C-alpha atoms as a PDB file:
ATOM      1  CA  MET A   1      18.715 -20.927  -6.241  1.00  0.00           C
ATOM      2  CA  LYS A   2      21.913 -19.433  -5.739  1.00  0.00           C
ATOM      3  CA  ARG A   3      19.920 -15.854  -6.442  1.00  0.00           C
ATOM      4  CA  VAL A   4      17.291 -16.843  -3.970  1.00  0.00           C
ATOM      5  CA  LEU A   5      19.767 -17.063  -1.270  1.00  0.00           C
ATOM      6  CA  LEU A   6      21.361 -13.878  -1.981  1.00  0.00           C
ATOM      7  CA  ALA A   7      18.081 -12.368  -1.540  1.00  0.00           C
ATOM      8  CA  LEU A   8      17.029 -13.562   1.109  1.00  0.00           C
ATOM      9  CA  THR A   9      20.959 -12.778   2.855  1.00  0.00           C
ATOM     10  CA  LEU A  10      20.479  -8.919   1.615  1.00  0.00           C
ATOM     11  CA  LEU A  11      16.982  -8.770   2.324  1.00  0.00           C
ATOM     12  CA  LEU A  12      17.951  -9.605   6.252  1.00  0.00           C
ATOM     13  CA  ILE A  13      20.932  -7.097   6.063  1.00  0.00           C
ATOM     14  CA  THR A  14      18.978  -4.520   4.640  1.00  0.00           C
ATOM     15  CA  VAL A  15      16.802  -4.629   8.436  1.00  0.00           C
ATOM     16  CA  ALA A  16      18.446  -2.395   9.954  1.00  0.00           C
ATOM     17  CA  PHE A  17      17.443   0.421   6.880  1.00  0.00           C
ATOM     18  CA  ALA A  18      14.161   2.255   7.336  1.00  0.00           C
ATOM     19  CA  GLN A  19      11.316   0.656   7.540  1.00  0.00           C
ATOM     20  CA  ASP A  20       9.803   2.404   3.936  1.00  0.00           C
ATOM     21  CA  ASP A  21      13.050   1.386   2.511  1.00  0.00           C
ATOM     22  CA  LEU A  22      12.611  -1.952   3.521  1.00  0.00           C
ATOM     23  CA  ASN A  23       9.325  -2.367   2.521  1.00  0.00           C
ATOM     24  CA  GLN A  24      10.108  -0.508  -0.924  1.00  0.00           C
ATOM     25  CA  TRP A  25      12.955  -3.198  -1.100  1.00  0.00           C
ATOM     26  CA  ILE A  26      11.203  -6.522  -0.902  1.00  0.00           C
ATOM     27  CA  GLN A  27       7.885  -5.683  -3.346  1.00  0.00           C
ATOM     28  CA  LEU A  28      10.811  -5.117  -6.179  1.00  0.00           C
ATOM     29  CA  LEU A  29      11.826  -8.826  -4.802  1.00  0.00           C
ATOM     30  CA  LYS A  30       9.087  -9.883  -5.137  1.00  0.00           C
ATOM     31  CA  GLN A  31       8.388  -9.056  -8.230  1.00  0.00           C
ATOM     32  CA  ASP A  32      11.334  -9.844  -9.554  1.00  0.00           C
ATOM     33  CA  LEU A  33      11.194 -13.430  -8.629  1.00  0.00           C
ATOM     34  CA  LYS A  34       7.342 -13.086  -8.785  1.00  0.00           C
ATOM     35  CA  VAL A  35       8.868 -12.228 -13.019  1.00  0.00           C
ATOM     36  CA  GLN A  36      11.730 -14.632 -13.254  1.00  0.00           C
ATOM     37  CA  ARG A  37       9.076 -18.364 -11.534  1.00  0.00           C
ATOM     38  CA  LYS A  38       6.732 -17.150 -14.755  1.00  0.00           C
ATOM     39  CA  ASP A  39       9.703 -16.853 -17.019  1.00  0.00           C
ATOM     40  CA  VAL A  40      10.866 -20.073 -16.192  1.00  0.00           C
ATOM     41  CA  ILE A  41       7.112 -21.897 -16.023  1.00  0.00           C
ATOM     42  CA  THR A  42       6.928 -20.409 -19.850  1.00  0.00           C
ATOM     43  CA  LYS A  43       9.957 -22.066 -20.947  1.00  0.00           C
ATOM     44  CA  GLY A  44       9.332 -24.991 -19.738  1.00  0.00           C
ATOM     45  CA  MET A  45       5.758 -24.258 -20.902  1.00  0.00           C
ATOM     46  CA  GLN A  46       6.198 -24.326 -24.891  1.00  0.00           C
ATOM     47  CA  THR A  47       4.653 -27.513 -24.981  1.00  0.00           C
ATOM     48  CA  PHE A  48       1.389 -26.310 -23.908  1.00  0.00           C
ATOM     49  CA  THR A  49      -1.630 -25.506 -26.500  1.00  0.00           C
ATOM     50  CA  HIS A  50      -3.943 -22.447 -26.979  1.00  0.00           C
ATOM     51  CA  GLU A  51      -6.182 -24.279 -24.907  1.00  0.00           C
ATOM     52  CA  GLU A  52      -3.941 -26.201 -22.347  1.00  0.00           C
ATOM     53  CA  ALA A  53      -2.714 -22.298 -21.478  1.00  0.00           C
ATOM     54  CA  LYS A  54      -6.267 -20.870 -21.154  1.00  0.00           C
ATOM     55  CA  ARG A  55      -6.491 -23.507 -18.625  1.00  0.00           C
ATOM     56  CA  PHE A  56      -3.416 -23.021 -16.789  1.00  0.00           C
ATOM     57  CA  TRP A  57      -2.808 -19.731 -16.115  1.00  0.00           C
ATOM     58  CA  PRO A  58      -5.956 -18.618 -14.046  1.00  0.00           C
ATOM     59  CA  ILE A  59      -4.778 -21.671 -11.908  1.00  0.00           C
ATOM     60  CA  TYR A  60      -1.131 -20.737 -11.850  1.00  0.00           C
ATOM     61  CA  ASP A  61      -2.215 -17.244 -10.733  1.00  0.00           C
ATOM     62  CA  ALA A  62      -4.653 -17.975  -8.199  1.00  0.00           C
ATOM     63  CA  TYR A  63      -1.853 -20.039  -6.087  1.00  0.00           C
ATOM     64  CA  ASN A  64       0.794 -17.223  -6.720  1.00  0.00           C
ATOM     65  CA  SER A  65      -1.707 -14.911  -5.047  1.00  0.00           C
ATOM     66  CA  GLU A  66      -2.541 -17.643  -1.713  1.00  0.00           C
ATOM     67  CA  LEU A  67       1.783 -17.859  -2.467  1.00  0.00           C
ATOM     68  CA  GLU A  68       2.037 -14.169  -1.822  1.00  0.00           C
ATOM     69  CA  LYS A  69       0.320 -14.049   1.361  1.00  0.00           C
ATOM     70  CA  PHE A  70       2.288 -17.049   3.004  1.00  0.00           C
ATOM     71  CA  VAL A  71       5.005 -14.791   2.104  1.00  0.00           C
ATOM     72  CA  ASP A  72       4.108 -11.481   3.142  1.00  0.00           C
ATOM     73  CA  ALA A  73       2.846 -13.307   6.483  1.00  0.00           C
ATOM     74  CA  ARG A  74       6.390 -14.470   6.542  1.00  0.00           C
ATOM     75  CA  VAL A  75       7.911 -11.634   6.044  1.00  0.00           C
ATOM     76  CA  ALA A  76       5.920  -9.641   8.211  1.00  0.00           C
ATOM     77  CA  LEU A  77       7.291 -12.401  11.586  1.00  0.00           C
ATOM     78  CA  ILE A  78      11.001 -11.864  10.305  1.00  0.00           C
ATOM     79  CA  LYS A  79      10.557  -7.744  10.676  1.00  0.00           C
ATOM     80  CA  ALA A  80       8.709  -8.175  14.150  1.00  0.00           C
ATOM     81  CA  ASN A  81      11.587 -10.663  15.450  1.00  0.00           C
ATOM     82  CA  ALA A  82      14.284  -8.222  13.935  1.00  0.00           C
ATOM     83  CA  GLU A  83      12.789  -4.872  15.190  1.00  0.00           C
ATOM     84  CA  ASP A  84      12.780  -6.075  18.847  1.00  0.00           C
ATOM     85  CA  TYR A  85      14.874  -9.009  18.829  1.00  0.00           C
ATOM     86  CA  ASP A  86      17.268  -7.536  21.651  1.00  0.00           C
ATOM     87  CA  SER A  87      14.208  -6.667  23.780  1.00  0.00           C
ATOM     88  CA  MET A  88      11.920  -8.484  23.744  1.00  0.00           C
ATOM     89  CA  PRO A  89       9.798 -10.664  26.059  1.00  0.00           C
ATOM     90  CA  ASP A  90       9.818 -14.123  26.471  1.00  0.00           C
ATOM     91  CA  ALA A  91       5.766 -14.197  26.095  1.00  0.00           C
ATOM     92  CA  GLU A  92       6.142 -12.354  22.656  1.00  0.00           C
ATOM     93  CA  ALA A  93       8.799 -14.715  21.324  1.00  0.00           C
ATOM     94  CA  ARG A  94       6.506 -17.456  21.894  1.00  0.00           C
ATOM     95  CA  ASP A  95       4.310 -15.685  20.200  1.00  0.00           C
ATOM     96  CA  LEU A  96       5.598 -15.145  17.258  1.00  0.00           C
ATOM     97  CA  LEU A  97       7.214 -18.869  16.734  1.00  0.00           C
ATOM     98  CA  ASN A  98       3.695 -20.255  17.670  1.00  0.00           C
ATOM     99  CA  ARG A  99       2.278 -17.607  14.739  1.00  0.00           C
ATOM    100  CA  ARG A 100       5.107 -19.187  12.674  1.00  0.00           C
ATOM    101  CA  ILE A 101       4.642 -22.843  13.245  1.00  0.00           C
ATOM    102  CA  ASN A 102       0.912 -21.771  12.456  1.00  0.00           C
ATOM    103  CA  ILE A 103       1.702 -20.216   8.609  1.00  0.00           C
END
């Protein structure tokens, strides 16, 4: 949990970096977290039979794919907010908030 909080803090700090650097850093962070989650689940599921694992992993991968879309949408909102924070009109701020609630 501490590692995730550190990663999120670093994500917010890196908003000041160039857009390409930020996108690359976000992709690396997501990839690292994905590998860590899969490792934790694999260790916890050592009691799976071959047949159980064969049924579980496709469901888990589909879940991860949907979760990734959710995370990408949230990151896009954070970036949009960070880019125009000082000069953002109220209407745009409300729009971002509504998009956040819809996610």
